[in-house]
Protein backbone atom coordinates (compact mmCIF):
# COMPACT_ATOMS: atom_id res chain seq x y z
CA MET A 1 -23.07 0.36 -12.68
CA THR A 2 -25.76 -2.16 -13.85
CA PRO A 3 -27.05 -2.47 -17.48
CA GLN A 4 -29.20 0.35 -18.67
CA LEU A 5 -31.58 -2.10 -20.57
CA ASN A 6 -34.08 -4.13 -19.45
CA GLU A 7 -33.20 -7.64 -19.45
CA ASP A 8 -36.07 -8.77 -21.21
CA LEU A 9 -35.27 -7.22 -24.39
CA THR A 10 -31.88 -9.25 -24.52
CA ARG A 11 -34.47 -12.84 -24.30
CA PRO A 12 -34.61 -14.98 -27.70
CA ILE A 13 -37.82 -14.52 -29.33
CA ARG A 14 -39.36 -16.80 -32.39
CA LEU A 15 -40.38 -15.09 -35.45
CA GLY A 16 -41.93 -17.77 -37.20
CA SER A 17 -39.46 -20.59 -38.17
CA GLN A 18 -36.49 -18.65 -36.83
CA ARG A 19 -34.92 -17.72 -33.72
CA ALA A 20 -34.13 -14.66 -33.28
CA ILE A 21 -31.12 -13.92 -30.29
CA ASN A 22 -32.75 -10.74 -28.62
CA ARG A 23 -35.71 -8.13 -29.23
CA ILE A 24 -33.18 -5.56 -30.98
CA VAL A 25 -33.82 -4.87 -34.20
CA MET A 26 -32.07 -2.96 -36.93
CA ALA A 27 -34.57 -0.68 -38.55
CA PRO A 28 -34.68 -1.01 -42.24
CA MET A 29 -33.23 3.03 -43.46
CA THR A 30 -32.68 4.73 -46.71
CA ASN A 31 -28.77 4.71 -47.21
CA LYS A 32 -28.05 5.35 -51.27
CA GLN A 33 -24.90 2.89 -50.84
CA SER A 34 -25.45 0.75 -53.81
CA HIS A 35 -25.07 0.90 -57.54
CA GLU A 36 -27.01 2.69 -60.49
CA ASP A 37 -27.94 -0.74 -61.92
CA GLY A 38 -29.60 -2.03 -58.43
CA THR A 39 -26.44 -3.82 -57.71
CA LEU A 40 -26.18 -4.27 -53.95
CA SER A 41 -22.77 -2.81 -53.18
CA ALA A 42 -20.09 -4.01 -50.95
CA ALA A 43 -20.49 -0.50 -48.85
CA GLU A 44 -23.97 -1.60 -48.28
CA VAL A 45 -23.09 -5.18 -46.87
CA ASP A 46 -20.28 -3.72 -44.72
CA TRP A 47 -22.75 -1.45 -43.33
CA LEU A 48 -25.39 -4.03 -42.50
CA GLY A 49 -22.81 -6.65 -41.57
CA MET A 50 -21.32 -4.38 -39.03
CA ARG A 51 -25.20 -3.77 -37.26
CA ALA A 52 -25.04 -7.77 -37.04
CA ASP A 53 -21.52 -8.01 -35.43
CA GLY A 54 -22.81 -5.50 -33.48
CA GLY A 55 -25.25 -7.62 -31.74
CA PHE A 56 -28.61 -6.75 -33.24
CA GLY A 57 -30.68 -9.81 -33.23
CA VAL A 58 -32.52 -8.95 -36.53
CA VAL A 59 -30.75 -6.73 -39.23
CA ILE A 60 -33.32 -5.34 -41.71
CA THR A 61 -32.36 -3.74 -44.87
CA GLY A 62 -33.17 -1.08 -46.47
CA ALA A 63 -36.42 -0.97 -49.18
CA TRP A 64 -35.11 -2.51 -51.95
CA ALA A 65 -36.98 -2.14 -55.26
CA VAL A 66 -38.80 -5.13 -56.63
CA ALA A 67 -39.44 -3.82 -59.72
CA PRO A 68 -37.26 -0.77 -62.30
CA GLU A 69 -40.81 1.05 -62.33
CA GLY A 70 -41.18 0.98 -58.61
CA ARG A 71 -37.83 2.47 -57.67
CA ALA A 72 -37.77 5.82 -55.71
CA TRP A 73 -34.45 7.45 -54.60
CA GLU A 74 -30.76 6.94 -56.25
CA GLY A 75 -28.60 3.98 -55.03
CA GLN A 76 -31.49 1.97 -54.22
CA ALA A 77 -30.84 -1.78 -54.45
CA GLY A 78 -33.11 -4.19 -56.37
CA LEU A 79 -34.24 -7.74 -56.65
CA TYR A 80 -35.52 -7.29 -59.97
CA ALA A 81 -32.70 -9.39 -62.51
CA GLU A 82 -30.84 -12.05 -61.88
CA ARG A 83 -27.28 -10.03 -61.42
CA HIS A 84 -28.84 -8.89 -57.97
CA LEU A 85 -28.56 -12.39 -56.42
CA ALA A 86 -24.77 -12.48 -56.40
CA PRO A 87 -24.14 -9.88 -54.23
CA LEU A 88 -27.35 -11.12 -51.99
CA VAL A 89 -25.68 -14.46 -51.46
CA GLY A 90 -22.33 -12.49 -50.11
CA LEU A 91 -24.84 -10.85 -47.37
CA ALA A 92 -26.30 -13.99 -46.75
CA GLN A 93 -22.97 -15.38 -46.12
CA ARG A 94 -22.05 -12.10 -44.34
CA ILE A 95 -24.76 -12.40 -41.57
CA ALA A 96 -24.20 -16.07 -41.77
CA SER A 97 -20.65 -15.58 -39.54
CA THR A 98 -22.93 -13.54 -36.75
CA ASP A 99 -25.85 -14.54 -34.90
CA ALA A 100 -28.35 -12.06 -36.61
CA LEU A 101 -31.48 -12.44 -38.64
CA GLY A 102 -30.92 -10.97 -41.99
CA ILE A 103 -34.23 -10.06 -43.35
CA VAL A 104 -35.00 -8.12 -47.03
CA GLN A 105 -37.07 -5.03 -47.11
CA VAL A 106 -39.40 -5.53 -50.61
CA HIS A 107 -40.28 -1.94 -51.75
CA HIS A 108 -42.52 -0.74 -54.98
CA GLY A 109 -42.61 3.13 -54.38
CA GLY A 110 -46.19 3.11 -56.53
CA SER A 111 -46.86 7.04 -57.23
CA ARG A 112 -43.69 7.93 -55.39
CA SER A 113 -40.99 6.51 -57.48
CA ALA A 114 -38.77 8.95 -58.92
CA PRO A 115 -39.92 9.39 -62.89
CA GLU A 116 -36.15 10.88 -63.31
CA ILE A 117 -34.59 7.18 -62.25
CA THR A 118 -37.57 5.37 -63.83
CA HIS A 119 -38.09 7.28 -66.67
CA THR A 120 -41.56 5.95 -66.84
CA ARG A 121 -44.90 7.36 -65.63
CA GLY A 122 -45.63 5.98 -61.98
CA ILE A 123 -48.24 3.71 -61.23
CA SER A 124 -50.76 3.74 -58.05
CA SER A 125 -54.46 2.04 -57.13
CA SER A 126 -55.87 5.05 -58.46
CA ASP A 127 -55.20 7.51 -61.66
CA GLY A 128 -52.81 10.71 -60.86
CA PRO A 129 -51.86 13.88 -62.39
CA ASP A 130 -48.32 11.85 -63.17
CA TRP A 131 -48.95 8.35 -62.69
CA ASP A 132 -51.68 5.48 -64.09
CA GLY A 133 -54.01 3.62 -61.93
CA ALA A 134 -53.10 -0.25 -62.07
CA SER A 135 -54.97 -2.00 -64.13
CA ASP A 136 -55.50 -6.06 -63.23
CA ASP A 137 -52.42 -6.97 -65.33
CA ASP A 138 -50.08 -4.35 -64.13
CA ILE A 139 -51.77 -5.66 -60.36
CA GLN A 140 -50.69 -9.37 -61.20
CA ARG A 141 -47.07 -8.32 -62.06
CA ILE A 142 -46.36 -6.35 -59.31
CA ILE A 143 -47.51 -9.58 -57.17
CA GLU A 144 -45.32 -11.52 -58.86
CA ALA A 145 -42.25 -9.27 -58.88
CA HIS A 146 -42.90 -9.47 -54.66
CA ARG A 147 -42.71 -13.30 -54.91
CA ALA A 148 -39.81 -13.06 -57.75
CA ALA A 149 -37.70 -10.73 -55.25
CA ALA A 150 -38.46 -13.00 -52.22
CA ASP A 151 -37.51 -15.84 -54.23
CA ARG A 152 -34.11 -14.34 -54.93
CA VAL A 153 -33.63 -13.46 -51.25
CA ARG A 154 -34.30 -17.28 -50.22
CA ALA A 155 -31.77 -18.61 -52.85
CA ALA A 156 -29.08 -15.96 -51.45
CA GLY A 157 -29.58 -17.79 -48.03
CA LEU A 158 -31.44 -15.27 -46.25
CA HIS A 159 -33.87 -15.72 -43.57
CA GLY A 160 -36.52 -13.77 -44.83
CA ILE A 161 -38.66 -10.46 -46.37
CA GLU A 162 -40.39 -7.62 -45.05
CA ILE A 163 -43.19 -5.82 -47.31
CA HIS A 164 -42.61 -2.04 -47.01
CA ALA A 165 -46.52 -1.61 -46.68
CA ALA A 166 -46.15 1.98 -44.99
CA HIS A 167 -45.00 5.72 -45.47
CA GLY A 168 -47.45 5.94 -48.72
CA PHE A 169 -45.64 3.63 -51.28
CA LEU A 170 -47.55 0.95 -53.01
CA PRO A 171 -49.21 -1.40 -50.92
CA ALA A 172 -50.22 1.77 -48.28
CA GLN A 173 -51.27 3.20 -51.51
CA PHE A 174 -54.17 0.62 -52.01
CA ILE A 175 -54.82 0.52 -48.54
CA SER A 176 -55.65 4.47 -48.03
CA ARG A 177 -59.38 5.75 -48.18
CA THR A 178 -58.26 8.57 -50.27
CA ASP A 179 -55.65 6.95 -52.79
CA ASN A 180 -57.80 3.88 -53.76
CA ARG A 181 -60.90 5.28 -55.28
CA ARG A 182 -61.12 1.66 -57.05
CA THR A 183 -64.69 0.46 -57.21
CA ASP A 184 -62.93 -3.12 -58.49
CA ARG A 185 -62.15 -5.92 -56.06
CA TRP A 186 -59.08 -4.11 -55.41
CA GLY A 187 -61.00 -1.04 -54.13
CA GLY A 188 -63.76 0.38 -51.98
CA ASP A 189 -64.11 -1.22 -48.28
CA LEU A 190 -61.42 -2.33 -46.33
CA ASP A 191 -61.29 -5.48 -47.66
CA GLY A 192 -61.23 -4.69 -51.26
CA ARG A 193 -58.43 -1.84 -49.85
CA ALA A 194 -56.32 -4.78 -48.43
CA ARG A 195 -56.90 -7.34 -51.02
CA PHE A 196 -53.23 -6.05 -52.82
CA VAL A 197 -50.89 -6.55 -49.64
CA ARG A 198 -52.80 -10.20 -48.80
CA GLU A 199 -52.26 -11.45 -52.03
CA VAL A 200 -48.56 -10.17 -51.48
CA VAL A 201 -48.10 -12.23 -48.64
CA ARG A 202 -50.29 -15.25 -49.75
CA ALA A 203 -48.04 -15.15 -53.13
CA ILE A 204 -45.01 -15.29 -51.13
CA ARG A 205 -45.96 -17.91 -48.29
CA THR A 206 -47.12 -19.99 -51.28
CA ALA A 207 -43.58 -19.83 -52.95
CA ALA A 208 -41.26 -19.82 -50.00
CA GLY A 209 -43.06 -22.64 -47.48
CA ASN A 210 -43.21 -22.01 -43.83
CA ASP A 211 -39.59 -22.04 -42.97
CA PHE A 212 -38.96 -18.04 -44.49
CA VAL A 213 -40.01 -15.07 -42.42
CA ILE A 214 -42.70 -13.16 -44.22
CA GLY A 215 -43.13 -9.64 -41.97
CA VAL A 216 -45.23 -6.68 -43.46
CA ARG A 217 -44.78 -3.18 -42.30
CA LEU A 218 -47.47 -0.91 -41.82
CA SER A 219 -48.08 2.98 -40.97
CA PRO A 220 -50.71 2.52 -38.01
CA GLU A 221 -52.39 5.45 -38.81
CA ASN A 222 -52.27 8.64 -40.92
CA HIS A 223 -55.65 11.06 -40.91
CA HIS A 224 -54.56 12.47 -44.58
CA HIS A 225 -54.41 9.35 -45.90
CA GLY A 226 -57.55 8.17 -44.20
CA ILE A 227 -55.51 5.13 -42.16
CA VAL A 228 -56.74 4.75 -39.18
CA LEU A 229 -55.69 2.42 -35.89
CA GLU A 230 -58.72 -0.10 -35.78
CA GLU A 231 -58.58 -0.91 -39.42
CA THR A 232 -54.54 -1.10 -39.68
CA ALA A 233 -55.17 -3.74 -36.74
CA GLN A 234 -58.01 -5.22 -39.00
CA ILE A 235 -55.09 -6.08 -42.23
CA ALA A 236 -52.85 -7.38 -39.57
CA ALA A 237 -54.79 -9.98 -38.13
CA TRP A 238 -55.86 -11.00 -41.73
CA LEU A 239 -52.09 -10.85 -42.58
CA ALA A 240 -51.49 -13.33 -39.67
CA ASP A 241 -54.22 -15.55 -41.57
CA ASP A 242 -52.50 -15.38 -44.68
CA GLY A 243 -49.05 -16.01 -43.47
CA MET A 244 -47.36 -13.28 -41.92
CA ASP A 245 -44.87 -13.68 -39.50
CA TYR A 246 -44.73 -10.49 -37.61
CA LEU A 247 -46.03 -7.01 -37.96
CA HIS A 248 -43.86 -3.64 -37.99
CA LEU A 249 -45.33 -0.58 -37.32
CA SER A 250 -43.53 2.25 -38.69
CA LEU A 251 -44.66 5.21 -35.42
CA GLY A 252 -43.18 8.86 -35.72
CA HIS A 253 -42.62 8.46 -32.34
CA ALA A 254 -43.19 4.67 -30.67
CA LEU A 255 -44.22 6.58 -27.13
CA ALA A 256 -46.09 9.70 -28.59
CA SER A 257 -49.70 9.20 -28.15
CA SER A 258 -52.33 8.56 -31.11
CA SER A 259 -53.53 11.36 -33.38
CA HIS A 260 -57.09 9.70 -33.12
CA GLU A 261 -57.26 8.06 -29.64
CA GLU A 262 -56.75 10.88 -27.31
CA GLY A 263 -54.73 10.04 -24.20
CA ARG A 264 -53.81 6.61 -25.78
CA ARG A 265 -50.75 5.46 -27.50
CA ALA A 266 -51.30 3.75 -31.46
CA LEU A 267 -48.84 1.00 -30.09
CA GLU A 268 -51.12 0.25 -27.17
CA VAL A 269 -54.40 0.26 -29.26
CA VAL A 270 -53.14 -2.03 -31.96
CA ARG A 271 -51.65 -4.36 -29.92
CA ALA A 272 -55.00 -4.44 -27.62
CA LEU A 273 -56.70 -5.37 -31.17
CA LEU A 274 -54.08 -8.54 -32.18
CA PRO A 275 -53.79 -11.79 -30.50
CA ARG A 276 -50.65 -12.03 -28.14
CA GLY A 277 -49.00 -14.87 -30.42
CA LEU A 278 -48.47 -12.03 -32.71
CA PRO A 279 -45.15 -10.55 -32.47
CA ILE A 280 -44.95 -6.57 -32.83
CA VAL A 281 -42.03 -4.60 -33.64
CA ALA A 282 -42.28 -0.82 -33.25
CA ALA A 283 -39.82 1.55 -34.69
CA GLY A 284 -40.10 5.32 -34.03
CA SER A 285 -37.44 7.56 -32.19
CA ILE A 286 -36.21 4.67 -30.06
CA ARG A 287 -32.90 6.07 -29.10
CA THR A 288 -31.62 4.89 -25.61
CA PRO A 289 -32.00 2.16 -23.31
CA HIS A 290 -34.53 3.38 -21.71
CA ASP A 291 -36.82 4.42 -24.51
CA ALA A 292 -36.52 0.75 -25.62
CA THR A 293 -37.36 -0.20 -22.45
CA ARG A 294 -40.87 1.88 -22.66
CA VAL A 295 -41.64 0.88 -25.71
CA ARG A 296 -41.38 -3.01 -24.90
CA ARG A 297 -43.76 -2.24 -21.71
CA LEU A 298 -46.15 -0.62 -24.25
CA GLY A 299 -46.66 -4.06 -25.73
CA ALA A 300 -43.93 -4.15 -28.75
CA ASP A 301 -42.39 -7.58 -28.86
CA LEU A 302 -39.07 -6.33 -30.98
CA VAL A 303 -38.13 -2.51 -30.82
CA ALA A 304 -36.41 -1.68 -34.08
CA LEU A 305 -33.66 1.68 -33.89
CA GLY A 306 -32.96 3.86 -37.00
CA THR A 307 -30.61 6.70 -35.74
CA ALA A 308 -29.62 4.58 -33.21
CA ALA A 309 -28.26 2.08 -35.18
CA ILE A 310 -26.60 5.11 -37.69
CA HIS A 311 -24.47 6.26 -35.04
CA ASP A 312 -23.63 3.44 -33.13
CA PRO A 313 -23.50 0.11 -35.26
CA SER A 314 -23.04 -2.02 -31.54
CA TRP A 315 -25.89 -0.55 -29.43
CA PRO A 316 -26.90 -3.71 -28.31
CA GLN A 317 -23.78 -4.86 -27.07
CA HIS A 318 -23.04 -1.39 -25.34
CA ALA A 319 -26.74 -1.02 -23.91
CA THR A 320 -26.09 -4.25 -21.76
CA ASP A 321 -22.42 -3.00 -20.79
CA PRO A 322 -22.60 -1.86 -16.96
CA GLY A 323 -20.24 0.30 -17.88
CA ARG A 324 -20.90 2.43 -20.65
CA LEU A 325 -24.38 3.68 -22.71
CA PRO A 326 -24.51 3.14 -26.45
CA ASP A 327 -23.33 6.82 -28.65
CA VAL A 328 -25.73 8.81 -29.58
CA SER A 329 -26.17 11.99 -31.87
CA PRO A 330 -25.16 13.79 -32.97
CA SER A 331 -21.75 12.47 -34.46
CA THR A 332 -18.85 14.16 -36.70
CA PRO A 333 -17.96 12.57 -40.15
CA GLU A 334 -14.85 10.47 -39.22
CA HIS A 335 -17.60 9.00 -36.63
CA LEU A 336 -19.71 8.00 -38.97
CA ALA A 337 -17.38 7.08 -41.88
CA ALA A 338 -15.97 4.43 -39.19
CA ALA A 339 -19.46 3.39 -38.79
CA GLY A 340 -19.72 2.44 -42.20
CA VAL A 341 -21.86 5.40 -43.73
CA THR A 342 -19.95 6.23 -46.91
CA PRO A 343 -20.07 9.70 -48.50
CA PRO A 344 -23.51 9.07 -50.27
CA PHE A 345 -25.28 8.49 -47.08
CA LEU A 346 -23.26 11.20 -45.41
CA GLN A 347 -24.91 13.93 -47.53
CA TYR A 348 -28.17 11.75 -47.60
CA LEU A 349 -28.24 12.80 -43.31
CA ARG A 350 -26.54 16.06 -44.45
CA GLU A 351 -29.07 17.32 -46.57
CA GLY A 352 -32.23 15.66 -44.08
CA TRP A 353 -31.06 16.04 -40.85
CA PRO A 354 -27.76 18.41 -40.71
CA ASP A 355 -28.24 18.65 -36.97
CA SER A 356 -27.50 15.02 -36.68
CA ILE A 357 -23.90 16.10 -37.44
CA ILE A 358 -21.33 17.56 -35.57
CA GLU A 359 -19.19 19.08 -39.11
CA THR A 360 -17.18 20.98 -36.41
CA PRO A 361 -15.49 20.47 -32.84
CA THR A 362 -17.77 23.13 -31.49
CA ASP A 363 -20.88 22.07 -33.24
CA LEU A 364 -22.54 20.10 -30.55
CA THR A 365 -25.89 21.04 -30.31
CA PRO A 366 -28.40 18.02 -30.67
CA GLY A 367 -30.65 17.70 -33.41
CA PRO A 368 -33.79 16.30 -33.89
CA GLU A 369 -33.61 12.38 -34.91
CA PRO A 370 -33.67 11.55 -38.63
CA VAL A 371 -36.91 10.07 -39.46
CA THR A 372 -36.21 6.54 -41.86
CA LYS A 373 -38.04 7.42 -45.23
CA THR A 374 -37.80 3.81 -46.41
């Protein structure tokens, strides 16, 4: 047998000042495995470390909150207090024992924050029924919170951060034509709507210097929120000028056609509009080596695996082994436990994607792929 993975995906690639040993990324995923006070748990460190051991060139954490009011789910790690630093050092040491790059995704839920956890009203680009529009002081405070979070990541010894500006979280709420109804410098035309995420990138780059990786995750299109491919590409080009090292496109299905450009895929459209030198990570229903190879050929420089990484921590190693294929869902709870899935994460999967779990030996019907919500 021959390896199922195109050898191009096993070649190194540079992300800013850092070198990834291959182009296979563990996608950021909500896993609810950390502590109530935002402290990173040993279980989540083990979860991430297993994927680094398994050959992923880049391991991206789930979305970790930069501010208490930005938390969006139980078990979400935080980056907003000094108590959060020591466990980060432990994670950095764990990642350093492998060949992987360790990237922390930084996050503010905005209007999608959970009031039952934050015990306060949400905050967004504009007013809403359960949240307030951000004042200038709020905006500057949250930009500073992103910078301080990145400082903690850098001080811990990890390789970089990824700003979560997708999935309708706070930066996406500023980008959105429908959510952002501001008439000041933080709204209006694309330049104004992109200002918030650009200022976050600039603040982190100025503080961190050039030896720290900065990525940004964007949803390339969303009809309901007025996000379109051409504007996403323009924002990405601006962010590259501001100091972004890679763009992470969160696609529902990386191989699916664009909802706006008939007959074309979103990845192809954005890739064609950006400089070839800007690395693109593509995520979205990439499960098999064949999927990964096809997505790479569409223009992705790296492929990010979510569900596949849950079920097989050693997917990159298995994908290059001529004698076997990576494991794919569904899996038994026992298999998932051995893969680092603790009870809170297992319950989250059961509630959201029950068909990905084999509860009994006779329940072998594959189900839809879990779509990560981070």
